[in-house]
Amino acid sequence: MEVEAGDGRVYLPQKLRDKFGDRFELIDRGDRIVLLPVADDPLEALRDEFDDVDESATELRGRARQDAIDDAGS
């Protein structure tokens, strides 16, 4: 799908805005750009995303650290 750019702005088709919203973060990946939708209330979106997680932040951080160490060793 093509988007239109002009005057320093990116114009997205209404269909995409209806699906993903009107706010995006632009990520530069060198050979491409990525648009990530930004929730109207990012904190509420995080709460919803992690609503079913039973681990504490400390436990999640420890697991992430261990996963990174395991990945680095392989």
C-alpha atoms as a PDB file:
ATOM      1  CA  MET A   1       0.000   0.000   0.000  1.00  0.00           C
ATOM      2  CA  GLU A   2       1.380   3.390  -0.928  1.00  0.00           C
ATOM      3  CA  VAL A   3       1.158   6.468   1.228  1.00  0.00           C
ATOM      4  CA  GLU A   4       1.511  10.038   0.125  1.00  0.00           C
ATOM      5  CA  ALA A   5       4.155  12.360   1.564  1.00  0.00           C
ATOM      6  CA  GLY A   6       4.406  16.072   1.150  1.00  0.00           C
ATOM      7  CA  ASP A   7       5.278  19.223   3.076  1.00  0.00           C
ATOM      8  CA  GLY A   8       7.029  17.116   5.739  1.00  0.00           C
ATOM      9  CA  ARG A   9       3.858  15.113   6.397  1.00  0.00           C
ATOM     10  CA  VAL A  10       2.795  11.567   5.708  1.00  0.00           C
ATOM     11  CA  TYR A  11      -0.780  11.070   4.568  1.00  0.00           C
ATOM     12  CA  LEU A  12      -2.324   7.704   5.410  1.00  0.00           C
ATOM     13  CA  PRO A  13      -5.478   6.380   3.792  1.00  0.00           C
ATOM     14  CA  GLN A  14      -8.628   6.610   5.910  1.00  0.00           C
ATOM     15  CA  LYS A  15      -8.801   2.795   6.068  1.00  0.00           C
ATOM     16  CA  LEU A  16      -5.437   2.676   7.912  1.00  0.00           C
ATOM     17  CA  ARG A  17      -6.359   5.556  10.225  1.00  0.00           C
ATOM     18  CA  ASP A  18      -9.619   3.785  11.093  1.00  0.00           C
ATOM     19  CA  LYS A  19      -7.737   0.588  11.884  1.00  0.00           C
ATOM     20  CA  PHE A  20      -4.675   1.985  13.721  1.00  0.00           C
ATOM     21  CA  GLY A  21      -5.592   5.486  14.854  1.00  0.00           C
ATOM     22  CA  ASP A  22      -4.140   8.895  14.079  1.00  0.00           C
ATOM     23  CA  ARG A  23      -0.947   8.887  16.158  1.00  0.00           C
ATOM     24  CA  PHE A  24       2.209   7.025  15.153  1.00  0.00           C
ATOM     25  CA  GLU A  25       5.844   6.939  16.146  1.00  0.00           C
ATOM     26  CA  LEU A  26       8.209   6.915  13.191  1.00  0.00           C
ATOM     27  CA  ILE A  27      11.149   4.493  13.526  1.00  0.00           C
ATOM     28  CA  ASP A  28      14.142   4.805  11.186  1.00  0.00           C
ATOM     29  CA  ARG A  29      15.466   1.344  10.283  1.00  0.00           C
ATOM     30  CA  GLY A  30      18.111   2.592   7.845  1.00  0.00           C
ATOM     31  CA  ASP A  31      16.691   1.073   4.673  1.00  0.00           C
ATOM     32  CA  ARG A  32      13.052   1.619   5.652  1.00  0.00           C
ATOM     33  CA  ILE A  33      10.811   3.426   8.100  1.00  0.00           C
ATOM     34  CA  VAL A  34       8.290   1.822  10.403  1.00  0.00           C
ATOM     35  CA  LEU A  35       5.166   3.494  11.757  1.00  0.00           C
ATOM     36  CA  LEU A  36       4.121   2.247  15.184  1.00  0.00           C
ATOM     37  CA  PRO A  37       0.642   3.197  16.379  1.00  0.00           C
ATOM     38  CA  VAL A  38       0.618   5.186  19.627  1.00  0.00           C
ATOM     39  CA  ALA A  39      -2.339   4.589  21.917  1.00  0.00           C
ATOM     40  CA  ASP A  40      -4.406   7.566  23.068  1.00  0.00           C
ATOM     41  CA  ASP A  41      -3.590   6.500  26.638  1.00  0.00           C
ATOM     42  CA  PRO A  42      -0.266   4.599  26.526  1.00  0.00           C
ATOM     43  CA  LEU A  43      -0.371   3.735  30.229  1.00  0.00           C
ATOM     44  CA  GLU A  44      -3.825   2.196  29.891  1.00  0.00           C
ATOM     45  CA  ALA A  45      -2.628   0.257  26.817  1.00  0.00           C
ATOM     46  CA  LEU A  46       0.251  -1.176  28.882  1.00  0.00           C
ATOM     47  CA  ARG A  47      -2.116  -2.146  31.663  1.00  0.00           C
ATOM     48  CA  ASP A  48      -4.361  -3.921  29.168  1.00  0.00           C
ATOM     49  CA  GLU A  49      -1.397  -5.660  27.536  1.00  0.00           C
ATOM     50  CA  PHE A  50      -0.097  -7.051  30.827  1.00  0.00           C
ATOM     51  CA  ASP A  51      -3.440  -7.614  32.541  1.00  0.00           C
ATOM     52  CA  ASP A  52      -3.023 -11.410  32.541  1.00  0.00           C
ATOM     53  CA  VAL A  53       0.639 -11.440  33.685  1.00  0.00           C
ATOM     54  CA  ASP A  54       1.043 -12.834  37.183  1.00  0.00           C
ATOM     55  CA  GLU A  55       4.773 -12.116  37.600  1.00  0.00           C
ATOM     56  CA  SER A  56       6.112  -9.013  39.342  1.00  0.00           C
ATOM     57  CA  ALA A  57       8.211  -6.443  37.508  1.00  0.00           C
ATOM     58  CA  THR A  58      11.280  -7.806  39.311  1.00  0.00           C
ATOM     59  CA  GLU A  59      10.509 -11.352  38.157  1.00  0.00           C
ATOM     60  CA  LEU A  60       9.891 -10.199  34.581  1.00  0.00           C
ATOM     61  CA  ARG A  61      13.152  -8.223  34.567  1.00  0.00           C
ATOM     62  CA  GLY A  62      15.055 -11.253  35.896  1.00  0.00           C
ATOM     63  CA  ARG A  63      13.536 -13.529  33.278  1.00  0.00           C
ATOM     64  CA  ALA A  64      14.352 -11.013  30.518  1.00  0.00           C
ATOM     65  CA  ARG A  65      17.928 -10.731  31.763  1.00  0.00           C
ATOM     66  CA  GLN A  66      18.321 -14.521  31.807  1.00  0.00           C
ATOM     67  CA  ASP A  67      16.805 -14.808  28.310  1.00  0.00           C
ATOM     68  CA  ALA A  68      19.294 -12.183  27.035  1.00  0.00           C
ATOM     69  CA  ILE A  69      22.196 -14.073  28.627  1.00  0.00           C
ATOM     70  CA  ASP A  70      20.981 -17.354  27.118  1.00  0.00           C
ATOM     71  CA  ASP A  71      20.583 -15.740  23.682  1.00  0.00           C
ATOM     72  CA  ALA A  72      24.045 -14.188  23.841  1.00  0.00           C
ATOM     73  CA  GLY A  73      25.578 -17.575  24.645  1.00  0.00           C
ATOM     74  CA  SER A  74      24.041 -19.333  21.654  1.00  0.00           C
END
